[in-house]
């Protein structure tokens, strides 16, 4: 069985990784979905 690197991160590292990916997702949605662009 292969484990992802993210499964062995410390709590702080995991939170930083999650925040980075959340920001990337929000930026992508903002630029690609007109509904959300109008709301901001």
N, C-alpha and C. Protein backbone atom coordinates (compact mmCIF):
# COMPACT_ATOMS: atom_id res chain seq x y z
N UNK A 1 0.85 -1.18 0.00
CA UNK A 1 0.00 0.00 0.00
C UNK A 1 0.89 1.24 0.00
N UNK A 2 0.55 2.20 -0.83
CA UNK A 2 1.30 3.44 -0.92
C UNK A 2 0.54 4.55 -0.21
N UNK A 3 1.25 5.32 0.59
CA UNK A 3 0.64 6.43 1.31
C UNK A 3 1.06 7.75 0.70
N UNK A 4 0.14 8.68 0.70
CA UNK A 4 0.42 10.02 0.22
C UNK A 4 1.32 10.73 1.22
N UNK A 5 2.17 11.62 0.73
CA UNK A 5 3.04 12.42 1.61
C UNK A 5 2.19 13.20 2.61
N UNK A 6 1.00 13.62 2.18
CA UNK A 6 0.14 14.44 3.03
C UNK A 6 -0.39 13.69 4.25
N UNK A 7 -0.33 12.38 4.23
CA UNK A 7 -0.82 11.60 5.37
C UNK A 7 0.15 11.62 6.53
N UNK A 8 1.37 12.09 6.31
CA UNK A 8 2.35 12.11 7.39
C UNK A 8 2.79 13.53 7.75
N UNK A 9 2.03 14.53 7.35
CA UNK A 9 2.36 15.91 7.67
C UNK A 9 1.98 16.24 9.11
N UNK A 10 2.68 17.19 9.68
CA UNK A 10 2.30 17.68 11.00
C UNK A 10 1.01 18.48 10.84
N UNK A 11 0.38 18.80 11.95
CA UNK A 11 -0.88 19.56 11.90
C UNK A 11 -0.67 20.91 11.20
N UNK A 12 0.42 21.62 11.55
CA UNK A 12 0.70 22.92 10.93
C UNK A 12 0.95 22.80 9.44
N UNK A 13 1.70 21.77 9.04
CA UNK A 13 1.98 21.55 7.62
C UNK A 13 0.69 21.22 6.86
N UNK A 14 -0.15 20.40 7.48
CA UNK A 14 -1.41 20.03 6.84
C UNK A 14 -2.31 21.25 6.68
N UNK A 15 -2.41 22.09 7.69
CA UNK A 15 -3.22 23.29 7.60
C UNK A 15 -2.71 24.23 6.51
N UNK A 16 -1.39 24.38 6.42
CA UNK A 16 -0.79 25.23 5.39
C UNK A 16 -1.10 24.66 4.00
N UNK A 17 -0.99 23.35 3.85
CA UNK A 17 -1.27 22.69 2.57
C UNK A 17 -2.73 22.88 2.19
N UNK A 18 -3.63 22.69 3.16
CA UNK A 18 -5.06 22.85 2.89
C UNK A 18 -5.39 24.29 2.50
N UNK A 19 -4.82 25.25 3.20
CA UNK A 19 -5.07 26.66 2.90
C UNK A 19 -4.59 27.01 1.50
N UNK A 20 -3.43 26.53 1.13
CA UNK A 20 -2.89 26.78 -0.20
C UNK A 20 -3.84 26.27 -1.28
N UNK A 21 -4.31 25.05 -1.10
CA UNK A 21 -5.20 24.47 -2.10
C UNK A 21 -6.59 25.10 -2.09
N UNK A 22 -7.05 25.53 -0.95
CA UNK A 22 -8.33 26.24 -0.88
C UNK A 22 -8.24 27.56 -1.64
N UNK A 23 -7.16 28.30 -1.44
CA UNK A 23 -6.97 29.57 -2.15
C UNK A 23 -6.92 29.35 -3.65
N UNK A 24 -6.22 28.30 -4.08
CA UNK A 24 -6.14 28.00 -5.51
C UNK A 24 -7.52 27.68 -6.08
N UNK A 25 -8.30 26.92 -5.32
CA UNK A 25 -9.65 26.56 -5.77
C UNK A 25 -10.54 27.79 -5.86
N UNK A 26 -10.48 28.65 -4.85
CA UNK A 26 -11.31 29.85 -4.85
C UNK A 26 -10.95 30.78 -6.00
N UNK A 27 -9.67 30.93 -6.28
CA UNK A 27 -9.26 31.77 -7.41
C UNK A 27 -9.76 31.21 -8.73
N UNK A 28 -9.65 29.89 -8.88
CA UNK A 28 -10.10 29.25 -10.12
C UNK A 28 -11.61 29.44 -10.29
N UNK A 29 -12.37 29.22 -9.22
CA UNK A 29 -13.82 29.39 -9.29
C UNK A 29 -14.17 30.84 -9.60
N UNK A 30 -13.52 31.77 -8.95
CA UNK A 30 -13.79 33.19 -9.16
C UNK A 30 -13.61 33.57 -10.63
N UNK A 31 -12.55 33.05 -11.24
CA UNK A 31 -12.25 33.41 -12.63
C UNK A 31 -13.08 32.64 -13.66
N UNK A 32 -13.60 31.48 -13.29
CA UNK A 32 -14.28 30.65 -14.27
C UNK A 32 -15.80 30.60 -14.14
N UNK A 33 -16.34 31.03 -13.00
CA UNK A 33 -17.78 30.92 -12.78
C UNK A 33 -18.37 32.32 -12.62
N UNK A 34 -19.11 32.78 -13.62
CA UNK A 34 -19.66 34.15 -13.59
C UNK A 34 -20.52 34.43 -12.35
N UNK A 35 -21.27 33.45 -11.89
CA UNK A 35 -22.14 33.65 -10.73
C UNK A 35 -21.34 34.17 -9.52
N UNK A 36 -20.21 33.55 -9.25
CA UNK A 36 -19.41 33.94 -8.08
C UNK A 36 -18.70 35.26 -8.31
N UNK A 37 -18.35 35.54 -9.53
CA UNK A 37 -17.69 36.80 -9.84
C UNK A 37 -18.63 37.98 -9.58
N UNK A 38 -19.92 37.81 -9.88
CA UNK A 38 -20.92 38.84 -9.65
C UNK A 38 -21.17 39.06 -8.16
N UNK A 39 -21.05 38.01 -7.36
CA UNK A 39 -21.34 38.07 -5.93
C UNK A 39 -20.28 38.85 -5.15
N UNK A 40 -19.08 38.92 -5.67
CA UNK A 40 -17.99 39.55 -4.91
C UNK A 40 -17.90 41.00 -5.17
